[in-house]
């Protein structure tokens, strides 16, 4: 015979599920608030999210970057939150019949976050405290909300009770669903529903308030705009006007700070008080150094025009930008420290525990790698490494552009492996010669006639001397180069095409200062950067 759940049972289950979700939300909100005073990165969701990032296989990471771009972190946090919501709802349902087990599961869920925070690279003993607070508040909340839910009997229990009553009265009639309805309208009626809704609303508002408060009270941060920058030793002329005023759709010669690309593993941007910041230089050195931010600002500084690009950039991809940087030469600091024989890498570390390895030659030769404190005449924005970051011309960011820098360790590749080295990326991430078509857009429809084809090309440390464009399988046509910002800076280019109707393939290639054209051979970003000619399809009407 078909079984029907008694009226009110489904709504009761929903309340238990909601109770579990709200318990998790309250716990995470309190954990986030506590983390603001302990370590923002120890916030339960952030700690788990960072652990997921570290555990994700490289191909999956590359897919996420290519598919979602800079939205990969919000999507990851949303995914972690969704999993927690599902688990919490399940725990809420368990609490309906097994409250003690539900409490244990809440503690277990919080413990996972605690372990994630505990094993982070830059963790401290107190980083487990937010998870402890999450567990306590989670158990108290699920217990309190459970008390507000009317305790409807299970179908079997009601049947047995009704049968016993009927038997005592000599009544053999089958149980009526109206018995459950009457019960639901009684003890499980409007007052009970109202009490639960009020409790749930209170928890929701409280969780949202505490979560927002935790974000606001996170480690006090220095406003970058409050920093007075020193004058550089060298005097650079203003960069010339780019082709953006002449060729519509071409990338700007100098990237606006708000448009500068950002690719890193940080789920939360470190909030740093410069009064507490220091740069340590240690490892195989004669003199260990500890430099405060004020001391760093008094050191001789230079300005350099440098293009940075991410190793995850596909051919024709967007993860490349250019700026004028102000900073201290790394080789000056390393000379003061006295690098010992045998050192082949500098292992740099950020405030959040991220490590990057840079070949010692790249930090001591004449390319003038710097510890930057400013970009385009303003202190570094927080999202780009405030208060100091490493900038190494000619290397991809994953081996030469550590943000939120706090340590330089002289060591060897055999003794120490950085974050990306452990994941099988190359140790010498030299930037490859590349060219990109910015305009016209791929698959765009254009009227026949003269069309400006333009873009940028780069070959840091070698410079761009020539760019050529090809239509379909025709001959290569020499493009006109834009202003020269130096060998460490990209170069704009354009070519006027007399387009004829039909579908056409446009391809570009660049020649660097060594006299070599970039390779046609396609390569994926992993493990040392993408290569190949950039091509687009255009439709001419």
Protein backbone atom coordinates (compact mmCIF):
# COMPACT_ATOMS: atom_id res chain seq x y z
CA UNK A 1 0.00 0.00 0.00
CA UNK A 2 1.34 3.45 -0.91
CA UNK A 3 2.68 5.40 2.04
CA UNK A 4 1.95 9.11 2.43
CA UNK A 5 3.92 11.34 4.79
CA UNK A 6 1.65 12.96 7.33
CA UNK A 7 0.82 16.64 6.74
CA UNK A 8 3.37 18.86 8.48
CA UNK A 9 6.20 16.32 8.30
CA UNK A 10 7.77 17.76 5.16
CA UNK A 11 7.64 21.30 6.52
CA UNK A 12 9.16 20.01 9.74
CA UNK A 13 12.06 18.43 7.82
CA UNK A 14 12.58 21.70 5.98
CA UNK A 15 12.87 23.54 9.29
CA UNK A 16 15.52 21.12 10.51
CA UNK A 17 17.46 21.53 7.26
CA UNK A 18 17.20 25.32 7.52
CA UNK A 19 18.33 25.10 11.13
CA UNK A 20 21.46 23.23 10.05
CA UNK A 21 22.25 25.79 7.35
CA UNK A 22 21.72 28.72 9.72
CA UNK A 23 23.89 27.05 12.36
CA UNK A 24 26.69 26.77 9.82
CA UNK A 25 26.18 30.39 8.74
CA UNK A 26 26.26 31.65 12.33
CA UNK A 27 29.32 29.57 13.10
CA UNK A 28 31.20 30.77 10.02
CA UNK A 29 30.23 34.39 10.71
CA UNK A 30 31.60 34.22 14.25
CA UNK A 31 34.68 32.39 12.96
CA UNK A 32 35.20 35.16 10.39
CA UNK A 33 34.87 37.78 13.12
CA UNK A 34 37.36 36.02 15.40
CA UNK A 35 39.75 35.60 12.46
CA UNK A 36 39.77 39.39 12.04
CA UNK A 37 41.65 39.60 15.34
CA UNK A 38 43.75 36.45 14.89
CA UNK A 39 44.54 36.10 11.19
CA UNK A 40 42.04 36.95 8.41
CA UNK A 41 43.29 34.01 6.34
CA UNK A 42 42.21 31.66 9.16
CA UNK A 43 38.55 32.46 8.50
CA UNK A 44 36.89 29.03 8.00
CA UNK A 45 35.72 29.50 4.41
CA UNK A 46 38.96 31.21 3.34
CA UNK A 47 41.14 28.56 4.98
CA UNK A 48 39.24 25.75 3.28
CA UNK A 49 39.22 27.63 -0.03
CA UNK A 50 42.99 28.18 0.08
CA UNK A 51 43.53 24.51 0.86
CA UNK A 52 41.35 23.56 -2.10
CA UNK A 53 43.44 25.82 -4.35
CA UNK A 54 46.66 24.20 -3.17
CA UNK A 55 45.27 20.71 -3.65
CA UNK A 56 43.84 21.37 -7.11
CA UNK A 57 45.82 19.71 -9.94
CA UNK A 58 47.63 22.11 -12.27
CA UNK A 59 45.50 21.28 -15.35
CA UNK A 60 42.34 22.12 -13.40
CA UNK A 61 43.86 25.40 -12.19
CA UNK A 62 44.81 26.36 -15.72
CA UNK A 63 41.32 25.49 -16.92
CA UNK A 64 39.81 27.68 -14.18
CA UNK A 65 42.04 30.65 -15.06
CA UNK A 66 41.29 30.33 -18.77
CA UNK A 67 37.56 29.74 -18.25
CA UNK A 68 36.76 32.20 -15.48
CA UNK A 69 39.66 34.66 -15.52
CA UNK A 70 39.73 36.91 -12.45
CA UNK A 71 36.33 35.52 -11.39
CA UNK A 72 37.91 32.17 -10.49
CA UNK A 73 38.25 33.08 -6.80
CA UNK A 74 34.61 34.16 -6.24
CA UNK A 75 33.51 31.01 -8.06
CA UNK A 76 35.74 28.87 -5.84
CA UNK A 77 34.44 30.52 -2.66
CA UNK A 78 30.89 30.09 -3.92
CA UNK A 79 31.54 26.41 -4.59
CA UNK A 80 33.00 25.87 -1.12
CA UNK A 81 30.04 27.69 0.41
CA UNK A 82 27.58 25.56 -1.58
CA UNK A 83 29.20 22.35 -0.35
CA UNK A 84 29.04 23.63 3.24
CA UNK A 85 25.35 24.54 2.81
CA UNK A 86 24.51 21.06 1.52
CA UNK A 87 26.46 19.39 4.33
CA UNK A 88 24.85 21.67 6.92
CA UNK A 89 21.35 20.95 5.62
CA UNK A 90 22.08 17.23 5.89
CA UNK A 91 23.32 17.70 9.46
CA UNK A 92 20.14 19.61 10.23
CA UNK A 93 18.06 16.65 9.03
CA UNK A 94 20.14 14.30 11.17
CA UNK A 95 19.43 16.47 14.21
CA UNK A 96 15.72 15.66 13.87
CA UNK A 97 16.19 12.16 15.25
CA UNK A 98 19.82 12.11 16.45
CA UNK A 99 20.70 15.47 17.98
CA UNK A 100 23.91 14.25 19.61
CA UNK A 101 25.22 12.92 16.31
CA UNK A 102 24.32 16.21 14.63
CA UNK A 103 26.34 18.13 17.21
CA UNK A 104 29.31 15.86 16.58
CA UNK A 105 29.00 16.44 12.84
CA UNK A 106 28.92 20.23 13.35
CA UNK A 107 32.12 19.99 15.36
CA UNK A 108 33.63 17.75 12.67
CA UNK A 109 32.77 20.24 9.91
CA UNK A 110 34.36 23.07 11.89
CA UNK A 111 37.39 20.89 12.62
CA UNK A 112 38.05 20.50 8.90
CA UNK A 113 38.29 24.29 8.65
CA UNK A 114 40.56 24.33 11.69
CA UNK A 115 42.90 21.77 10.16
CA UNK A 116 42.94 23.73 6.90
CA UNK A 117 43.97 26.89 8.79
CA UNK A 118 46.49 24.99 10.92
CA UNK A 119 48.36 23.58 7.92
CA UNK A 120 48.52 26.82 5.90
CA UNK A 121 52.13 27.84 5.08
CA UNK A 122 52.07 30.99 7.22
CA UNK A 123 49.89 29.63 10.02
CA UNK A 124 50.36 30.34 13.72
CA UNK A 125 49.10 28.36 16.75
CA UNK A 126 46.14 30.69 17.32
CA UNK A 127 44.88 30.23 13.76
CA UNK A 128 42.77 27.31 14.99
CA UNK A 129 40.78 29.59 17.32
CA UNK A 130 38.30 30.78 14.63
CA UNK A 131 37.36 27.16 13.89
CA UNK A 132 36.93 26.51 17.62
CA UNK A 133 34.55 29.48 17.84
CA UNK A 134 32.73 28.23 14.75
CA UNK A 135 32.15 24.84 16.36
CA UNK A 136 30.79 26.28 19.63
CA UNK A 137 28.43 28.74 17.94
CA UNK A 138 27.33 26.11 15.42
CA UNK A 139 26.35 23.63 18.15
CA UNK A 140 24.58 26.28 20.23
CA UNK A 141 22.66 27.57 17.20
CA UNK A 142 21.49 24.20 15.92
CA UNK A 143 20.47 23.22 19.46
CA UNK A 144 18.56 26.47 19.99
CA UNK A 145 16.74 26.32 16.66
CA UNK A 146 15.92 22.66 17.18
CA UNK A 147 14.15 23.58 20.42
CA UNK A 148 11.88 25.92 18.45
CA UNK A 149 10.72 23.20 16.06
CA UNK A 150 7.53 21.34 17.12
CA UNK A 151 8.38 17.72 17.87
CA UNK A 152 6.00 15.88 15.57
CA UNK A 153 5.98 12.13 16.16
CA UNK A 154 7.27 9.89 13.42
CA UNK A 155 4.63 8.05 11.35
CA UNK A 156 5.36 4.73 13.06
CA UNK A 157 5.14 6.21 16.53
CA UNK A 158 1.80 7.86 15.83
CA UNK A 159 0.43 4.65 14.35
CA UNK A 160 1.44 2.62 17.37
CA UNK A 161 0.00 5.20 19.74
CA UNK A 162 -3.26 5.42 17.83
CA UNK A 163 -3.50 1.63 17.60
CA UNK A 164 -2.98 1.24 21.33
CA UNK A 165 -5.65 3.81 22.09
CA UNK A 166 -8.04 2.22 19.65
CA UNK A 167 -7.38 -1.23 21.07
CA UNK A 168 -8.06 -0.06 24.60
CA UNK A 169 -11.39 1.22 23.44
CA UNK A 170 -12.13 -1.84 21.41
CA UNK A 171 -11.99 0.23 18.24
CA UNK A 172 -10.32 -1.49 15.26
CA UNK A 173 -10.69 1.44 12.86
CA UNK A 174 -7.55 2.29 10.87
CA UNK A 175 -5.71 5.44 11.77
CA UNK A 176 -6.96 8.56 10.02
CA UNK A 177 -4.67 11.15 8.48
CA UNK A 178 -6.84 13.70 10.25
CA UNK A 179 -5.12 12.65 13.48
CA UNK A 180 -1.86 14.10 12.15
CA UNK A 181 -3.60 17.15 10.82
CA UNK A 182 -5.12 17.85 14.18
CA UNK A 183 -1.72 17.44 15.82
CA UNK A 184 -0.10 19.77 13.32
CA UNK A 185 -2.78 22.38 13.92
CA UNK A 186 -2.29 22.08 17.62
CA UNK A 187 1.21 22.04 19.08
CA UNK A 188 2.75 22.61 15.66
CA UNK A 189 0.49 25.52 14.79
CA UNK A 190 0.98 29.18 14.07
CA UNK A 191 2.70 30.14 17.37
CA UNK A 192 5.34 27.43 16.88
CA UNK A 193 5.93 28.43 13.26
CA UNK A 194 6.21 32.06 14.28
CA UNK A 195 8.74 31.28 17.01
CA UNK A 196 10.91 29.33 14.59
CA UNK A 197 10.72 32.05 11.94
CA UNK A 198 11.66 34.70 14.47
CA UNK A 199 14.59 32.59 15.67
CA UNK A 200 15.75 31.89 12.12
CA UNK A 201 15.46 35.56 11.20
CA UNK A 202 17.46 36.55 14.27
CA UNK A 203 20.23 34.10 13.42
CA UNK A 204 20.29 35.29 9.81
CA UNK A 205 20.58 38.96 10.75
CA UNK A 206 23.14 38.17 13.44
CA UNK A 207 25.29 36.10 11.06
CA UNK A 208 25.21 38.79 8.37
CA UNK A 209 26.09 41.50 10.90
CA UNK A 210 28.95 39.54 12.47
CA UNK A 211 30.33 38.56 9.06
CA UNK A 212 30.34 42.18 7.89
CA UNK A 213 31.88 43.29 11.18
CA UNK A 214 34.61 40.70 10.79
CA UNK A 215 35.44 42.06 7.35
CA UNK A 216 35.54 45.63 8.65
CA UNK A 217 37.63 44.84 11.72
CA UNK A 218 40.22 42.74 9.90
CA UNK A 219 43.86 43.52 10.64
CA UNK A 220 44.29 47.30 10.56
CA UNK A 221 45.73 48.26 7.20
CA UNK A 222 47.73 51.28 6.14
CA UNK A 223 46.06 53.27 3.40
CA UNK A 224 48.53 53.23 0.48
CA UNK A 225 47.51 56.81 -0.36
CA UNK A 226 49.00 57.94 2.98
CA UNK A 227 52.54 56.93 1.94
CA UNK A 228 54.90 59.72 0.86
CA UNK A 229 57.07 58.35 -1.93
CA UNK A 230 60.78 59.18 -2.28
CA UNK A 231 62.29 60.62 -5.43
CA UNK A 232 64.11 58.21 -7.75
CA UNK A 233 67.84 58.52 -8.42
CA UNK A 234 67.31 58.37 -12.16
CA UNK A 235 65.15 60.65 -14.26
CA UNK A 236 62.99 58.99 -16.89
CA UNK A 237 61.34 60.97 -19.61
CA UNK A 238 57.58 60.74 -19.76
CA UNK A 239 56.44 57.84 -21.86
CA UNK A 240 55.41 58.99 -25.35
CA UNK A 241 51.81 58.96 -26.44
CA UNK A 242 50.71 55.56 -27.65
CA UNK A 243 48.81 54.53 -30.74
CA UNK A 244 45.51 54.32 -28.85
CA UNK A 245 44.65 57.81 -30.09
CA UNK A 246 45.21 56.70 -33.68
CA UNK A 247 44.12 53.05 -33.83
CA UNK A 248 40.72 52.35 -32.30
CA UNK A 249 40.61 49.23 -30.15
CA UNK A 250 44.36 48.87 -29.59
CA UNK A 251 45.67 48.23 -26.06
CA UNK A 252 46.85 51.35 -24.26
CA UNK A 253 50.60 51.92 -24.22
CA UNK A 254 50.49 52.44 -20.46
CA UNK A 255 48.03 50.29 -18.57
CA UNK A 256 45.73 52.19 -16.17
CA UNK A 257 46.23 50.83 -12.66
CA UNK A 258 42.58 49.84 -12.37
CA UNK A 259 42.95 47.71 -15.53
CA UNK A 260 46.26 46.07 -14.57
CA UNK A 261 45.80 42.31 -14.59
CA UNK A 262 45.78 40.32 -11.37
CA UNK A 263 46.43 36.58 -11.18
CA UNK A 264 47.47 35.03 -7.84
CA UNK A 265 46.36 32.42 -5.32
CA UNK A 266 45.25 34.82 -2.57
CA UNK A 267 41.55 34.49 -1.74
CA UNK A 268 41.76 37.52 0.52
CA UNK A 269 44.02 40.48 -0.17
CA UNK A 270 46.45 40.86 2.76
CA UNK A 271 45.75 43.92 4.90
CA UNK A 272 49.12 45.20 6.05
CA UNK A 273 50.07 47.85 8.55
CA UNK A 274 53.43 49.23 7.44
CA UNK A 275 54.39 49.84 11.07
CA UNK A 276 54.46 46.06 11.51
CA UNK A 277 55.89 45.17 8.09
CA UNK A 278 59.50 44.15 7.63
CA UNK A 279 61.61 42.56 4.93
CA UNK A 280 64.01 39.85 6.07
CA UNK A 281 66.96 38.66 4.01
CA UNK A 282 68.37 35.39 5.30
CA UNK A 283 69.60 31.95 4.29
CA UNK A 284 73.12 31.50 2.91
CA UNK A 285 74.25 35.07 3.50
CA UNK A 286 77.08 36.65 5.46
CA UNK A 287 74.84 39.26 7.07
CA UNK A 288 71.17 38.68 7.78
CA UNK A 289 69.14 41.84 7.26
CA UNK A 290 65.84 43.07 8.66
CA UNK A 291 64.51 46.17 6.93
CA UNK A 292 61.46 48.15 8.04
CA UNK A 293 59.28 49.98 5.55
CA UNK A 294 60.57 53.37 6.67
CA UNK A 295 64.14 52.16 6.17
CA UNK A 296 63.26 50.81 2.73
CA UNK A 297 61.91 54.20 1.67
CA UNK A 298 65.20 55.90 2.62
CA UNK A 299 67.24 53.65 0.31
CA UNK A 300 68.29 54.69 -3.20
CA UNK A 301 65.46 54.00 -5.63
CA UNK A 302 65.09 53.87 -9.38
CA UNK A 303 62.19 54.02 -11.81
CA UNK A 304 61.78 51.47 -14.58
CA UNK A 305 59.22 50.90 -17.32
CA UNK A 306 58.41 47.19 -17.21
CA UNK A 307 55.80 44.92 -18.76
CA UNK A 308 54.64 42.05 -16.54
CA UNK A 309 52.84 38.97 -17.79
CA UNK A 310 51.46 35.80 -16.27
CA UNK A 311 52.73 32.40 -17.33
CA UNK A 312 49.10 31.24 -17.52
CA UNK A 313 48.47 33.60 -20.41
CA UNK A 314 47.34 31.79 -23.54
CA UNK A 315 48.50 32.99 -26.95
CA UNK A 316 46.61 36.24 -27.46
CA UNK A 317 45.50 36.25 -23.82
CA UNK A 318 44.80 39.25 -21.54
CA UNK A 319 47.12 38.62 -18.59
CA UNK A 320 49.78 41.16 -19.44
CA UNK A 321 50.11 44.85 -18.46
CA UNK A 322 52.69 47.62 -18.38
CA UNK A 323 53.57 50.27 -15.83
CA UNK A 324 56.34 52.54 -14.53
CA UNK A 325 57.67 51.07 -11.29
CA UNK A 326 59.61 52.69 -8.43
CA UNK A 327 61.76 50.55 -6.17
CA UNK A 328 65.09 49.51 -4.66
CA UNK A 329 67.48 47.37 -6.73
CA UNK A 330 67.44 43.83 -5.39
CA UNK A 331 71.13 43.40 -6.14
CA UNK A 332 71.97 46.31 -3.82
CA UNK A 333 70.28 44.54 -0.93
CA UNK A 334 71.81 41.19 -1.79
CA UNK A 335 75.28 42.77 -1.92
CA UNK A 336 74.72 44.16 1.58
CA UNK A 337 73.67 40.73 2.80
CA UNK A 338 76.63 39.01 1.12
CA UNK A 339 75.45 36.03 -0.92
CA UNK A 340 77.56 32.95 -0.23
CA UNK A 341 78.97 30.55 -2.80
CA UNK A 342 76.65 27.90 -4.19
CA UNK A 343 73.44 29.93 -4.02
CA UNK A 344 71.44 29.50 -7.23
CA UNK A 345 68.04 30.87 -6.24
CA UNK A 346 66.37 33.43 -4.03
CA UNK A 347 63.24 32.05 -2.40
CA UNK A 348 60.89 34.96 -1.81
CA UNK A 349 57.90 34.76 0.52
CA UNK A 350 54.76 36.83 0.86
CA UNK A 351 52.92 37.72 4.03
CA UNK A 352 50.36 34.98 3.31
CA UNK A 353 53.01 32.27 3.00
CA UNK A 354 53.21 32.12 -0.80
CA UNK A 355 56.73 31.25 -2.02
CA UNK A 356 58.36 32.00 -5.38
CA UNK A 357 61.83 31.01 -6.56
CA UNK A 358 63.90 33.32 -8.75
CA UNK A 359 67.24 32.44 -10.37
CA UNK A 360 70.01 34.35 -8.58
CA UNK A 361 71.34 35.67 -11.90
CA UNK A 362 68.06 37.44 -12.64
CA UNK A 363 68.30 39.37 -9.37
CA UNK A 364 71.96 40.32 -9.58
CA UNK A 365 72.56 41.15 -13.27
CA UNK A 366 72.09 44.46 -15.07
CA UNK A 367 68.36 44.03 -15.70
CA UNK A 368 67.79 45.85 -12.40
CA UNK A 369 65.17 43.71 -10.70
CA UNK A 370 63.56 45.84 -8.01
CA UNK A 371 61.58 45.65 -4.82
CA UNK A 372 58.84 47.99 -5.95
CA UNK A 373 56.90 50.31 -3.65
CA UNK A 374 55.02 52.23 -6.34
CA UNK A 375 53.56 51.95 -9.81
CA UNK A 376 52.76 54.85 -12.14
CA UNK A 377 53.67 57.44 -9.52
CA UNK A 378 51.42 56.09 -6.75
CA UNK A 379 52.04 53.64 -3.89
CA UNK A 380 51.24 50.06 -4.79
CA UNK A 381 47.52 49.28 -4.48
CA UNK A 382 46.74 46.53 -1.97
CA UNK A 383 45.67 44.15 -4.75
CA UNK A 384 49.04 44.59 -6.47
CA UNK A 385 51.29 43.89 -3.50
CA UNK A 386 51.29 46.83 -1.07
CA UNK A 387 53.56 47.71 0.61
CA UNK A 388 56.31 46.05 -1.46
CA UNK A 389 56.60 43.49 -4.22
CA UNK A 390 59.26 41.94 -6.40
CA UNK A 391 59.41 42.98 -10.07
CA UNK A 392 61.88 41.12 -12.30
CA UNK A 393 62.15 42.15 -15.96
CA UNK A 394 62.12 39.28 -18.43
CA UNK A 395 60.56 36.67 -16.15
CA UNK A 396 56.95 35.56 -15.83
CA UNK A 397 55.26 36.55 -12.61
CA UNK A 398 55.34 33.05 -11.12
CA UNK A 399 59.14 33.22 -10.79
CA UNK A 400 59.80 36.93 -10.44
CA UNK A 401 56.92 39.05 -9.16
CA UNK A 402 56.14 38.12 -5.56
CA UNK A 403 53.41 40.32 -4.09
CA UNK A 404 53.18 41.39 -0.42
CA UNK A 405 56.87 40.56 -0.11
CA UNK A 406 58.25 39.90 3.35
CA UNK A 407 61.29 37.61 2.98
CA UNK A 408 64.18 36.83 0.62
CA UNK A 409 66.06 33.62 1.37
CA UNK A 410 69.35 32.80 -0.37
CA UNK A 411 69.31 29.06 -1.02
CA UNK A 412 69.48 26.40 -3.72
CA UNK A 413 66.91 24.64 -5.88
CA UNK A 414 68.09 21.35 -4.40
CA UNK A 415 67.41 22.51 -0.84
CA UNK A 416 64.16 24.49 -1.23
CA UNK A 417 61.22 24.28 -3.61
CA UNK A 418 58.75 27.10 -4.12
CA UNK A 419 54.99 26.77 -4.51
CA UNK A 420 55.01 26.46 -8.31
CA UNK A 421 58.19 24.39 -8.45
CA UNK A 422 56.48 21.73 -6.36
CA UNK A 423 53.75 21.68 -9.00
CA UNK A 424 56.23 20.96 -11.82
CA UNK A 425 56.41 24.41 -13.41
CA UNK A 426 59.79 25.44 -14.80
CA UNK A 427 62.27 27.15 -12.50
CA UNK A 428 63.50 29.55 -15.21
CA UNK A 429 60.37 31.27 -16.49
CA UNK A 430 61.89 33.44 -19.22
CA UNK A 431 59.26 35.42 -21.12
CA UNK A 432 58.78 34.21 -24.71
CA UNK A 433 58.49 36.54 -27.69
CA UNK A 434 54.81 37.07 -28.46
CA UNK A 435 52.49 39.30 -30.49
CA UNK A 436 48.75 39.80 -30.08
CA UNK A 437 46.01 41.17 -32.30
CA UNK A 438 43.73 43.55 -30.40
CA UNK A 439 41.74 44.96 -33.28
CA UNK A 440 39.62 44.04 -35.14
CA UNK A 441 37.98 41.65 -32.70
CA UNK A 442 37.85 37.98 -33.60
CA UNK A 443 34.73 36.94 -35.53
CA UNK A 444 33.81 40.60 -35.98
CA UNK A 445 32.03 41.65 -39.18
CA UNK A 446 33.60 44.63 -40.91
CA UNK A 447 32.74 46.47 -44.13
CA UNK A 448 35.14 46.02 -47.03
CA UNK A 449 37.83 48.66 -47.42
CA UNK A 450 40.73 49.93 -45.36
CA UNK A 451 40.85 48.46 -41.85
CA UNK A 452 43.47 49.16 -39.16
CA UNK A 453 44.83 45.90 -37.75
CA UNK A 454 46.71 46.53 -34.51
CA UNK A 455 47.92 45.14 -31.23
CA UNK A 456 50.94 44.73 -28.98
CA UNK A 457 54.10 42.62 -29.03
CA UNK A 458 56.60 41.90 -26.28
CA UNK A 459 59.97 40.25 -25.69
CA UNK A 460 61.24 41.57 -22.36
CA UNK A 461 65.04 41.87 -22.11
CA UNK A 462 65.28 41.63 -25.93
CA UNK A 463 62.81 44.21 -27.22
CA UNK A 464 60.66 44.14 -30.36
CA UNK A 465 62.25 45.21 -33.66
CA UNK A 466 59.66 44.07 -36.18
CA UNK A 467 56.05 42.86 -36.44
CA UNK A 468 54.49 41.20 -39.48
CA UNK A 469 50.87 40.45 -40.37
CA UNK A 470 49.53 37.86 -42.80
CA UNK A 471 46.09 37.58 -44.40
CA UNK A 472 45.07 33.95 -44.98
CA UNK A 473 48.09 32.22 -46.60
CA UNK A 474 49.37 35.38 -48.30
CA UNK A 475 52.75 37.02 -47.88
CA UNK A 476 53.84 38.57 -44.60
CA UNK A 477 53.31 42.33 -44.45
CA UNK A 478 55.48 44.57 -42.28
CA UNK A 479 53.52 46.52 -39.66
CA UNK A 480 54.28 50.00 -38.36
CA UNK A 481 55.68 49.99 -34.84
CA UNK A 482 54.49 52.33 -32.12
CA UNK A 483 56.68 54.25 -29.65
CA UNK A 484 59.63 52.52 -27.99
CA UNK A 485 59.40 52.18 -24.20
CA UNK A 486 62.60 50.14 -23.89
CA UNK A 487 63.51 46.48 -24.17
CA UNK A 488 61.54 45.59 -21.02
CA UNK A 489 58.36 47.22 -22.33
CA UNK A 490 55.85 46.05 -24.89
CA UNK A 491 55.48 47.64 -28.31
CA UNK A 492 52.29 48.67 -30.06
CA UNK A 493 51.96 48.04 -33.80
CA UNK A 494 49.43 48.49 -36.62
CA UNK A 495 48.97 47.67 -40.30
CA UNK A 496 46.38 49.08 -42.70
CA UNK A 497 44.59 46.31 -44.57
CA UNK A 498 42.57 46.82 -47.74
CA UNK A 499 40.00 44.17 -46.86
CA UNK A 500 37.95 42.32 -49.48
CA UNK A 501 34.61 40.57 -48.86
CA UNK A 502 34.70 37.07 -47.37
CA UNK A 503 36.02 35.13 -44.40
CA UNK A 504 39.69 35.81 -43.64
CA UNK A 505 42.32 34.65 -41.18
CA UNK A 506 44.65 37.29 -39.74
CA UNK A 507 47.94 36.11 -38.22
CA UNK A 508 50.69 38.08 -36.51
CA UNK A 509 54.28 37.34 -35.53
CA UNK A 510 57.07 39.40 -33.96
CA UNK A 511 60.85 39.60 -34.20
CA UNK A 512 62.88 40.37 -31.11
CA UNK A 513 66.20 42.14 -30.62
CA UNK A 514 68.19 38.97 -31.29
CA UNK A 515 66.88 38.95 -34.87
CA UNK A 516 64.72 35.86 -34.33
CA UNK A 517 61.00 35.63 -35.08
CA UNK A 518 58.80 34.05 -32.47
CA UNK A 519 58.19 30.35 -32.97
CA UNK A 520 55.13 29.11 -34.81
CA UNK A 521 55.06 25.96 -32.67
CA UNK A 522 52.10 25.98 -30.32
CA UNK A 523 52.68 25.27 -26.65
CA UNK A 524 50.35 25.40 -23.66
CA UNK A 525 51.13 27.72 -20.74
CA UNK A 526 52.23 24.77 -18.60
CA UNK A 527 55.05 24.39 -17.71
CA UNK A 528 56.93 27.42 -19.03
CA UNK A 529 54.63 29.74 -20.95
CA UNK A 530 52.54 29.58 -24.13
CA UNK A 531 53.99 29.97 -27.61
CA UNK A 532 52.72 30.15 -31.19
CA UNK A 533 51.35 32.71 -33.60
CA UNK A 534 48.15 34.54 -32.70
CA UNK A 535 45.41 34.26 -35.34
CA UNK A 536 41.85 35.52 -35.53
CA UNK A 537 38.98 35.12 -37.99
CA UNK A 538 37.26 38.21 -39.40
CA UNK A 539 34.22 38.50 -41.65
CA UNK A 540 34.25 41.19 -44.34
CA UNK A 541 30.88 42.16 -45.81
